[in-house]
Amino acid sequence: MEDRNRPVPRTCPHCRNSNAKLMPPLGDWSTYDCPKCGTYSVSGLTEQLIENGADPTGGRIVQRGEHRFLEI
């Protein structure tokens, strides 16, 4: 069982870099720290779209204020 109070190794959904980390959860967002893409968040809705077959590699990471988000 994963300890979600600490970052866990995870493949970046956007660029597929296997050295990314999934940060502890905050609300309806997952935050990834990727050596290639940087730090960005994925909404719960976007995660559902990915689970249902949407291709996150075709998306883009956008800046909104101080935060970066994956849009697909």
C-alpha atoms as a PDB file:
ATOM      1  CA  MET A   1       0.000   0.000   0.000  1.00  0.00           C
ATOM      2  CA  GLU A   2       1.308   3.446  -0.932  1.00  0.00           C
ATOM      3  CA  ASP A   3       1.978   6.134   1.651  1.00  0.00           C
ATOM      4  CA  ARG A   4       0.178   9.103   0.053  1.00  0.00           C
ATOM      5  CA  ASN A   5       1.597  11.478   2.663  1.00  0.00           C
ATOM      6  CA  ARG A   6       4.860  11.507   0.708  1.00  0.00           C
ATOM      7  CA  PRO A   7       5.704  11.805  -2.993  1.00  0.00           C
ATOM      8  CA  VAL A   8       5.560   8.464  -4.806  1.00  0.00           C
ATOM      9  CA  PRO A   9       7.343   7.493  -8.044  1.00  0.00           C
ATOM     10  CA  ARG A  10       4.948   7.728 -10.977  1.00  0.00           C
ATOM     11  CA  THR A  11       5.215   8.078 -14.745  1.00  0.00           C
ATOM     12  CA  CYS A  12       4.373  11.585 -15.972  1.00  0.00           C
ATOM     13  CA  PRO A  13       1.025  11.354 -17.788  1.00  0.00           C
ATOM     14  CA  HIS A  14       2.010  14.162 -20.166  1.00  0.00           C
ATOM     15  CA  CYS A  15       5.500  13.197 -21.410  1.00  0.00           C
ATOM     16  CA  ARG A  16       5.725   9.595 -20.097  1.00  0.00           C
ATOM     17  CA  ASN A  17       8.956  10.317 -18.180  1.00  0.00           C
ATOM     18  CA  SER A  18       9.321   7.476 -15.684  1.00  0.00           C
ATOM     19  CA  ASN A  19      11.274   9.632 -13.206  1.00  0.00           C
ATOM     20  CA  ALA A  20       8.323  11.826 -12.195  1.00  0.00           C
ATOM     21  CA  LYS A  21       6.764  11.936  -8.736  1.00  0.00           C
ATOM     22  CA  LEU A  22       3.135  12.144  -7.702  1.00  0.00           C
ATOM     23  CA  MET A  23       2.871  14.533  -4.774  1.00  0.00           C
ATOM     24  CA  PRO A  24       0.505  14.025  -1.798  1.00  0.00           C
ATOM     25  CA  PRO A  25      -3.109  14.783  -2.778  1.00  0.00           C
ATOM     26  CA  LEU A  26      -4.770  18.143  -2.184  1.00  0.00           C
ATOM     27  CA  GLY A  27      -8.498  18.079  -2.859  1.00  0.00           C
ATOM     28  CA  ASP A  28      -9.571  17.073  -6.353  1.00  0.00           C
ATOM     29  CA  TRP A  29      -6.108  17.574  -7.849  1.00  0.00           C
ATOM     30  CA  SER A  30      -3.086  15.385  -8.459  1.00  0.00           C
ATOM     31  CA  THR A  31       0.209  17.221  -8.666  1.00  0.00           C
ATOM     32  CA  TYR A  32       3.144  15.784 -10.588  1.00  0.00           C
ATOM     33  CA  ASP A  33       6.774  16.840 -10.329  1.00  0.00           C
ATOM     34  CA  CYS A  34       8.451  15.846 -13.600  1.00  0.00           C
ATOM     35  CA  PRO A  35      12.087  16.472 -14.573  1.00  0.00           C
ATOM     36  CA  LYS A  36      10.977  17.396 -18.118  1.00  0.00           C
ATOM     37  CA  CYS A  37       7.582  19.101 -17.639  1.00  0.00           C
ATOM     38  CA  GLY A  38       8.159  20.670 -14.223  1.00  0.00           C
ATOM     39  CA  THR A  39       5.491  20.763 -11.537  1.00  0.00           C
ATOM     40  CA  TYR A  40       1.868  20.801 -12.707  1.00  0.00           C
ATOM     41  CA  SER A  41      -1.567  19.655 -11.547  1.00  0.00           C
ATOM     42  CA  VAL A  42      -4.183  17.390 -13.091  1.00  0.00           C
ATOM     43  CA  SER A  43      -7.837  17.795 -12.126  1.00  0.00           C
ATOM     44  CA  GLY A  44      -9.975  14.832 -11.121  1.00  0.00           C
ATOM     45  CA  LEU A  45     -12.051  15.328 -14.282  1.00  0.00           C
ATOM     46  CA  THR A  46      -8.927  15.240 -16.476  1.00  0.00           C
ATOM     47  CA  GLU A  47      -7.799  12.077 -14.685  1.00  0.00           C
ATOM     48  CA  GLN A  48     -11.172  10.488 -15.497  1.00  0.00           C
ATOM     49  CA  LEU A  49     -10.806  11.481 -19.147  1.00  0.00           C
ATOM     50  CA  ILE A  50      -7.358   9.852 -19.221  1.00  0.00           C
ATOM     51  CA  GLU A  51      -8.725   6.687 -17.593  1.00  0.00           C
ATOM     52  CA  ASN A  52     -11.435   6.614 -20.284  1.00  0.00           C
ATOM     53  CA  GLY A  53      -8.902   6.779 -23.116  1.00  0.00           C
ATOM     54  CA  ALA A  54      -8.054  10.468 -23.657  1.00  0.00           C
ATOM     55  CA  ASP A  55      -4.412  10.931 -24.702  1.00  0.00           C
ATOM     56  CA  PRO A  56      -2.627  13.219 -22.213  1.00  0.00           C
ATOM     57  CA  THR A  57       0.492  13.373 -24.393  1.00  0.00           C
ATOM     58  CA  GLY A  58      -1.499  15.458 -26.881  1.00  0.00           C
ATOM     59  CA  GLY A  59      -2.496  17.958 -24.198  1.00  0.00           C
ATOM     60  CA  ARG A  60      -0.651  21.009 -23.032  1.00  0.00           C
ATOM     61  CA  ILE A  61       0.439  22.441 -19.727  1.00  0.00           C
ATOM     62  CA  VAL A  62      -0.942  25.930 -19.181  1.00  0.00           C
ATOM     63  CA  GLN A  63      -0.112  28.583 -16.598  1.00  0.00           C
ATOM     64  CA  ARG A  64      -3.003  30.079 -14.622  1.00  0.00           C
ATOM     65  CA  GLY A  65      -1.805  32.556 -12.057  1.00  0.00           C
ATOM     66  CA  GLU A  66       0.805  30.834  -9.924  1.00  0.00           C
ATOM     67  CA  HIS A  67      -0.242  27.297 -10.924  1.00  0.00           C
ATOM     68  CA  ARG A  68       0.332  25.083 -13.954  1.00  0.00           C
ATOM     69  CA  PHE A  69      -2.306  22.611 -15.192  1.00  0.00           C
ATOM     70  CA  LEU A  70      -2.535  19.854 -17.782  1.00  0.00           C
ATOM     71  CA  GLU A  71      -5.322  20.475 -20.294  1.00  0.00           C
ATOM     72  CA  ILE A  72      -6.385  17.782 -22.730  1.00  0.00           C
END
